[in-house]
Amino acid sequence: MALPLADAAGFTGTMLSVVSIISHFIDFLILLGVLFPPIAGIIMVDYYVLRTHRTLLDAMPERYTLPDAA
């Protein structure tokens, strides 16, 4: 006895393949590949090169714990 959810998922996947959703999915993956690497680059430069987080870390008390509000 097949599960109704599995039947629905199988039917949905079959219908999506019939309407060629894969061409749109590839476009979506290309969009992700264009958008996320620059964002990751900005985050990495901020962390490793600019070190803007250091002012917050240097302001921590000597016990090296985060404030209670965090």
PDB file of N, CA and C in Angstrom:
ATOM      1  N   MET A   1       0.847  -1.183   0.000  1.00  0.00           N
ATOM      2  CA  MET A   1       0.000   0.000   0.000  1.00  0.00           C
ATOM      3  C   MET A   1       0.890   1.244   0.000  1.00  0.00           C
ATOM      4  N   ALA A   2       0.748   2.054  -0.998  1.00  0.00           N
ATOM      5  CA  ALA A   2       1.563   3.260  -1.122  1.00  0.00           C
ATOM      6  C   ALA A   2       0.985   4.376  -0.262  1.00  0.00           C
ATOM      7  N   LEU A   3       1.862   5.202   0.217  1.00  0.00           N
ATOM      8  CA  LEU A   3       1.426   6.333   1.028  1.00  0.00           C
ATOM      9  C   LEU A   3       0.826   7.415   0.138  1.00  0.00           C
ATOM     10  N   PRO A   4      -0.214   8.094   0.589  1.00  0.00           N
ATOM     11  CA  PRO A   4      -0.802   9.168  -0.228  1.00  0.00           C
ATOM     12  C   PRO A   4       0.183  10.302  -0.503  1.00  0.00           C
ATOM     13  N   LEU A   5       1.040  10.589   0.459  1.00  0.00           N
ATOM     14  CA  LEU A   5       2.025  11.652   0.262  1.00  0.00           C
ATOM     15  C   LEU A   5       3.030  11.263  -0.820  1.00  0.00           C
ATOM     16  N   ALA A   6       3.447  10.007  -0.826  1.00  0.00           N
ATOM     17  CA  ALA A   6       4.381   9.540  -1.849  1.00  0.00           C
ATOM     18  C   ALA A   6       3.727   9.566  -3.226  1.00  0.00           C
ATOM     19  N   ASP A   7       2.460   9.197  -3.283  1.00  0.00           N
ATOM     20  CA  ASP A   7       1.736   9.260  -4.556  1.00  0.00           C
ATOM     21  C   ASP A   7       1.639  10.696  -5.055  1.00  0.00           C
ATOM     22  N   ALA A   8       1.328  11.616  -4.148  1.00  0.00           N
ATOM     23  CA  ALA A   8       1.208  13.024  -4.529  1.00  0.00           C
ATOM     24  C   ALA A   8       2.554  13.578  -4.985  1.00  0.00           C
ATOM     25  N   ALA A   9       3.623  13.218  -4.281  1.00  0.00           N
ATOM     26  CA  ALA A   9       4.954  13.692  -4.662  1.00  0.00           C
ATOM     27  C   ALA A   9       5.361  13.120  -6.019  1.00  0.00           C
ATOM     28  N   GLY A  10       5.072  11.856  -6.258  1.00  0.00           N
ATOM     29  CA  GLY A  10       5.382  11.242  -7.547  1.00  0.00           C
ATOM     30  C   GLY A  10       4.605  11.873  -8.684  1.00  0.00           C
ATOM     31  N   PHE A  11       3.333  12.118  -8.451  1.00  0.00           N
ATOM     32  CA  PHE A  11       2.499  12.758  -9.470  1.00  0.00           C
ATOM     33  C   PHE A  11       2.989  14.175  -9.754  1.00  0.00           C
ATOM     34  N   THR A  12       3.307  14.918  -8.691  1.00  0.00           N
ATOM     35  CA  THR A  12       3.795  16.289  -8.864  1.00  0.00           C
ATOM     36  C   THR A  12       5.107  16.306  -9.641  1.00  0.00           C
ATOM     37  N   GLY A  13       6.024  15.423  -9.297  1.00  0.00           N
ATOM     38  CA  GLY A  13       7.297  15.352 -10.010  1.00  0.00           C
ATOM     39  C   GLY A  13       7.125  14.982 -11.473  1.00  0.00           C
ATOM     40  N   THR A  14       6.205  14.071 -11.740  1.00  0.00           N
ATOM     41  CA  THR A  14       5.942  13.683 -13.124  1.00  0.00           C
ATOM     42  C   THR A  14       5.363  14.842 -13.920  1.00  0.00           C
ATOM     43  N   MET A  15       4.430  15.546 -13.333  1.00  0.00           N
ATOM     44  CA  MET A  15       3.823  16.686 -14.031  1.00  0.00           C
ATOM     45  C   MET A  15       4.838  17.809 -14.263  1.00  0.00           C
ATOM     46  N   LEU A  16       5.703  18.041 -13.292  1.00  0.00           N
ATOM     47  CA  LEU A  16       6.730  19.068 -13.471  1.00  0.00           C
ATOM     48  C   LEU A  16       7.714  18.684 -14.571  1.00  0.00           C
ATOM     49  N   SER A  17       8.017  17.404 -14.692  1.00  0.00           N
ATOM     50  CA  SER A  17       8.926  16.982 -15.752  1.00  0.00           C
ATOM     51  C   SER A  17       8.265  17.091 -17.120  1.00  0.00           C
ATOM     52  N   VAL A  18       6.950  16.925 -17.163  1.00  0.00           N
ATOM     53  CA  VAL A  18       6.240  17.044 -18.430  1.00  0.00           C
ATOM     54  C   VAL A  18       6.273  18.488 -18.932  1.00  0.00           C
ATOM     55  N   VAL A  19       6.178  19.461 -18.016  1.00  0.00           N
ATOM     56  CA  VAL A  19       6.153  20.865 -18.438  1.00  0.00           C
ATOM     57  C   VAL A  19       7.562  21.462 -18.507  1.00  0.00           C
ATOM     58  N   SER A  20       8.576  20.645 -18.494  1.00  0.00           N
ATOM     59  CA  SER A  20       9.977  21.064 -18.650  1.00  0.00           C
ATOM     60  C   SER A  20      10.419  22.064 -17.589  1.00  0.00           C
ATOM     61  N   ILE A  21      10.157  21.757 -16.335  1.00  0.00           N
ATOM     62  CA  ILE A  21      10.575  22.633 -15.240  1.00  0.00           C
ATOM     63  C   ILE A  21      12.095  22.645 -15.099  1.00  0.00           C
ATOM     64  N   ILE A  22      12.765  21.632 -15.637  1.00  0.00           N
ATOM     65  CA  ILE A  22      14.209  21.536 -15.461  1.00  0.00           C
ATOM     66  C   ILE A  22      14.935  22.709 -16.126  1.00  0.00           C
ATOM     67  N   SER A  23      14.401  23.231 -17.221  1.00  0.00           N
ATOM     68  CA  SER A  23      15.058  24.380 -17.859  1.00  0.00           C
ATOM     69  C   SER A  23      14.981  25.607 -16.958  1.00  0.00           C
ATOM     70  N   HIS A  24      13.881  25.766 -16.249  1.00  0.00           N
ATOM     71  CA  HIS A  24      13.764  26.876 -15.306  1.00  0.00           C
ATOM     72  C   HIS A  24      14.628  26.632 -14.070  1.00  0.00           C
ATOM     73  N   PHE A  25      14.769  25.386 -13.673  1.00  0.00           N
ATOM     74  CA  PHE A  25      15.590  25.044 -12.516  1.00  0.00           C
ATOM     75  C   PHE A  25      17.055  25.346 -12.797  1.00  0.00           C
ATOM     76  N   ILE A  26      17.499  25.069 -13.997  1.00  0.00           N
ATOM     77  CA  ILE A  26      18.882  25.367 -14.363  1.00  0.00           C
ATOM     78  C   ILE A  26      19.117  26.872 -14.344  1.00  0.00           C
ATOM     79  N   ASP A  27      18.148  27.642 -14.832  1.00  0.00           N
ATOM     80  CA  ASP A  27      18.263  29.101 -14.761  1.00  0.00           C
ATOM     81  C   ASP A  27      18.347  29.570 -13.312  1.00  0.00           C
ATOM     82  N   PHE A  28      17.577  28.935 -12.438  1.00  0.00           N
ATOM     83  CA  PHE A  28      17.611  29.271 -11.017  1.00  0.00           C
ATOM     84  C   PHE A  28      18.983  28.961 -10.419  1.00  0.00           C
ATOM     85  N   LEU A  29      19.558  27.830 -10.782  1.00  0.00           N
ATOM     86  CA  LEU A  29      20.884  27.476 -10.278  1.00  0.00           C
ATOM     87  C   LEU A  29      21.951  28.442 -10.790  1.00  0.00           C
ATOM     88  N   ILE A  30      21.818  28.887 -12.022  1.00  0.00           N
ATOM     89  CA  ILE A  30      22.756  29.881 -12.555  1.00  0.00           C
ATOM     90  C   ILE A  30      22.625  31.188 -11.790  1.00  0.00           C
ATOM     91  N   LEU A  31      21.387  31.586 -11.490  1.00  0.00           N
ATOM     92  CA  LEU A  31      21.164  32.802 -10.713  1.00  0.00           C
ATOM     93  C   LEU A  31      21.810  32.695  -9.334  1.00  0.00           C
ATOM     94  N   LEU A  32      21.671  31.542  -8.690  1.00  0.00           N
ATOM     95  CA  LEU A  32      22.317  31.349  -7.387  1.00  0.00           C
ATOM     96  C   LEU A  32      23.836  31.438  -7.512  1.00  0.00           C
ATOM     97  N   GLY A  33      24.380  30.866  -8.571  1.00  0.00           N
ATOM     98  CA  GLY A  33      25.821  30.906  -8.782  1.00  0.00           C
ATOM     99  C   GLY A  33      26.347  32.297  -9.071  1.00  0.00           C
ATOM    100  N   VAL A  34      25.496  33.157  -9.604  1.00  0.00           N
ATOM    101  CA  VAL A  34      25.907  34.528  -9.888  1.00  0.00           C
ATOM    102  C   VAL A  34      25.782  35.405  -8.648  1.00  0.00           C
ATOM    103  N   LEU A  35      24.791  35.161  -7.806  1.00  0.00           N
ATOM    104  CA  LEU A  35      24.524  36.033  -6.665  1.00  0.00           C
ATOM    105  C   LEU A  35      25.336  35.698  -5.415  1.00  0.00           C
ATOM    106  N   PHE A  36      25.470  34.433  -5.069  1.00  0.00           N
ATOM    107  CA  PHE A  36      26.054  34.089  -3.778  1.00  0.00           C
ATOM    108  C   PHE A  36      27.573  34.207  -3.679  1.00  0.00           C
ATOM    109  N   PRO A  37      28.364  33.883  -4.683  1.00  0.00           N
ATOM    110  CA  PRO A  37      29.816  34.066  -4.523  1.00  0.00           C
ATOM    111  C   PRO A  37      30.246  35.498  -4.224  1.00  0.00           C
ATOM    112  N   PRO A  38      29.667  36.533  -4.867  1.00  0.00           N
ATOM    113  CA  PRO A  38      30.073  37.889  -4.476  1.00  0.00           C
ATOM    114  C   PRO A  38      29.711  38.228  -3.032  1.00  0.00           C
ATOM    115  N   ILE A  39      28.565  37.754  -2.576  1.00  0.00           N
ATOM    116  CA  ILE A  39      28.172  38.010  -1.188  1.00  0.00           C
ATOM    117  C   ILE A  39      29.136  37.310  -0.241  1.00  0.00           C
ATOM    118  N   ALA A  40      29.495  36.073  -0.560  1.00  0.00           N
ATOM    119  CA  ALA A  40      30.451  35.346   0.274  1.00  0.00           C
ATOM    120  C   ALA A  40      31.811  36.033   0.260  1.00  0.00           C
ATOM    121  N   GLY A  41      32.200  36.588  -0.881  1.00  0.00           N
ATOM    122  CA  GLY A  41      33.467  37.318  -0.965  1.00  0.00           C
ATOM    123  C   GLY A  41      33.479  38.548  -0.075  1.00  0.00           C
ATOM    124  N   ILE A  42      32.372  39.276  -0.044  1.00  0.00           N
ATOM    125  CA  ILE A  42      32.276  40.457   0.816  1.00  0.00           C
ATOM    126  C   ILE A  42      32.377  40.061   2.282  1.00  0.00           C
ATOM    127  N   ILE A  43      31.701  38.999   2.656  1.00  0.00           N
ATOM    128  CA  ILE A  43      31.742  38.540   4.046  1.00  0.00           C
ATOM    129  C   ILE A  43      33.158  38.107   4.422  1.00  0.00           C
ATOM    130  N   MET A  44      33.838  37.393   3.519  1.00  0.00           N
ATOM    131  CA  MET A  44      35.190  36.930   3.823  1.00  0.00           C
ATOM    132  C   MET A  44      36.178  38.089   3.920  1.00  0.00           C
ATOM    133  N   VAL A  45      36.056  39.085   3.050  1.00  0.00           N
ATOM    134  CA  VAL A  45      36.943  40.252   3.132  1.00  0.00           C
ATOM    135  C   VAL A  45      36.694  41.010   4.424  1.00  0.00           C
ATOM    136  N   ASP A  46      35.437  41.145   4.810  1.00  0.00           N
ATOM    137  CA  ASP A  46      35.121  41.831   6.062  1.00  0.00           C
ATOM    138  C   ASP A  46      35.725  41.088   7.251  1.00  0.00           C
ATOM    139  N   TYR A  47      35.662  39.772   7.230  1.00  0.00           N
ATOM    140  CA  TYR A  47      36.140  38.990   8.369  1.00  0.00           C
ATOM    141  C   TYR A  47      37.667  38.904   8.409  1.00  0.00           C
ATOM    142  N   TYR A  48      38.290  38.592   7.275  1.00  0.00           N
ATOM    143  CA  TYR A  48      39.728  38.325   7.276  1.00  0.00           C
ATOM    144  C   TYR A  48      40.593  39.552   6.991  1.00  0.00           C
ATOM    145  N   VAL A  49      40.111  40.508   6.210  1.00  0.00           N
ATOM    146  CA  VAL A  49      40.940  41.641   5.810  1.00  0.00           C
ATOM    147  C   VAL A  49      40.621  42.881   6.631  1.00  0.00           C
ATOM    148  N   LEU A  50      39.371  43.288   6.640  1.00  0.00           N
ATOM    149  CA  LEU A  50      38.999  44.514   7.347  1.00  0.00           C
ATOM    150  C   LEU A  50      38.927  44.321   8.854  1.00  0.00           C
ATOM    151  N   ARG A  51      38.543  43.127   9.279  1.00  0.00           N
ATOM    152  CA  ARG A  51      38.459  42.770  10.700  1.00  0.00           C
ATOM    153  C   ARG A  51      37.610  43.755  11.504  1.00  0.00           C
ATOM    154  N   THR A  52      36.449  44.106  10.972  1.00  0.00           N
ATOM    155  CA  THR A  52      35.564  45.040  11.674  1.00  0.00           C
ATOM    156  C   THR A  52      34.962  44.414  12.927  1.00  0.00           C
ATOM    157  N   HIS A  53      34.990  43.100  13.012  1.00  0.00           N
ATOM    158  CA  HIS A  53      34.448  42.430  14.196  1.00  0.00           C
ATOM    159  C   HIS A  53      35.393  42.541  15.390  1.00  0.00           C
ATOM    160  N   ARG A  54      36.632  42.925  15.166  1.00  0.00           N
ATOM    161  CA  ARG A  54      37.617  42.978  16.253  1.00  0.00           C
ATOM    162  C   ARG A  54      37.255  43.985  17.335  1.00  0.00           C
ATOM    163  N   THR A  55      36.621  45.092  16.980  1.00  0.00           N
ATOM    164  CA  THR A  55      36.271  46.089  18.001  1.00  0.00           C
ATOM    165  C   THR A  55      35.288  45.510  19.001  1.00  0.00           C
ATOM    166  N   LEU A  56      34.364  44.707  18.527  1.00  0.00           N
ATOM    167  CA  LEU A  56      33.418  44.067  19.435  1.00  0.00           C
ATOM    168  C   LEU A  56      34.125  43.036  20.303  1.00  0.00           C
ATOM    169  N   LEU A  57      35.029  42.271  19.709  1.00  0.00           N
ATOM    170  CA  LEU A  57      35.730  41.247  20.480  1.00  0.00           C
ATOM    171  C   LEU A  57      36.674  41.863  21.508  1.00  0.00           C
ATOM    172  N   ASP A  58      37.316  42.976  21.159  1.00  0.00           N
ATOM    173  CA  ASP A  58      38.223  43.629  22.103  1.00  0.00           C
ATOM    174  C   ASP A  58      37.470  44.275  23.257  1.00  0.00           C
ATOM    175  N   ALA A  59      36.215  44.609  23.063  1.00  0.00           N
ATOM    176  CA  ALA A  59      35.420  45.240  24.115  1.00  0.00           C
ATOM    177  C   ALA A  59      34.852  44.221  25.101  1.00  0.00           C
ATOM    178  N   MET A  60      35.059  42.940  24.838  1.00  0.00           N
ATOM    179  CA  MET A  60      34.538  41.918  25.747  1.00  0.00           C
ATOM    180  C   MET A  60      35.295  41.950  27.064  1.00  0.00           C
ATOM    181  N   PRO A  61      34.637  41.565  28.142  1.00  0.00           N
ATOM    182  CA  PRO A  61      35.352  41.487  29.415  1.00  0.00           C
ATOM    183  C   PRO A  61      36.430  40.402  29.376  1.00  0.00           C
ATOM    184  N   GLU A  62      37.276  40.417  30.370  1.00  0.00           N
ATOM    185  CA  GLU A  62      38.405  39.487  30.376  1.00  0.00           C
ATOM    186  C   GLU A  62      38.002  38.031  30.543  1.00  0.00           C
ATOM    187  N   ARG A  63      36.790  37.786  30.955  1.00  0.00           N
ATOM    188  CA  ARG A  63      36.388  36.379  31.134  1.00  0.00           C
ATOM    189  C   ARG A  63      36.042  35.710  29.807  1.00  0.00           C
ATOM    190  N   TYR A  64      36.088  36.476  28.703  1.00  0.00           N
ATOM    191  CA  TYR A  64      35.875  35.958  27.358  1.00  0.00           C
ATOM    192  C   TYR A  64      34.544  35.233  27.201  1.00  0.00           C
ATOM    193  N   THR A  65      33.504  35.874  27.658  1.00  0.00           N
ATOM    194  CA  THR A  65      32.157  35.355  27.437  1.00  0.00           C
ATOM    195  C   THR A  65      31.341  36.443  26.754  1.00  0.00           C
ATOM    196  N   LEU A  66      30.312  36.031  26.100  1.00  0.00           N
ATOM    197  CA  LEU A  66      29.439  36.995  25.448  1.00  0.00           C
ATOM    198  C   LEU A  66      28.589  37.702  26.488  1.00  0.00           C
ATOM    199  N   PRO A  67      28.148  38.908  26.213  1.00  0.00           N
ATOM    200  CA  PRO A  67      27.264  39.593  27.151  1.00  0.00           C
ATOM    201  C   PRO A  67      25.957  38.828  27.323  1.00  0.00           C
ATOM    202  N   ASP A  68      25.276  39.073  28.422  1.00  0.00           N
ATOM    203  CA  ASP A  68      24.027  38.370  28.689  1.00  0.00           C
ATOM    204  C   ASP A  68      22.964  38.693  27.650  1.00  0.00           C
ATOM    205  N   ALA A  69      23.017  39.866  27.054  1.00  0.00           N
ATOM    206  CA  ALA A  69      22.014  40.260  26.070  1.00  0.00           C
ATOM    207  C   ALA A  69      22.170  39.495  24.758  1.00  0.00           C
ATOM    208  N   ALA A  70      23.332  38.890  24.534  1.00  0.00           N
ATOM    209  CA  ALA A  70      23.545  38.165  23.285  1.00  0.00           C
ATOM    210  C   ALA A  70      22.793  36.874  23.349  1.00  0.00           C
TER     211      ALA A  70
END
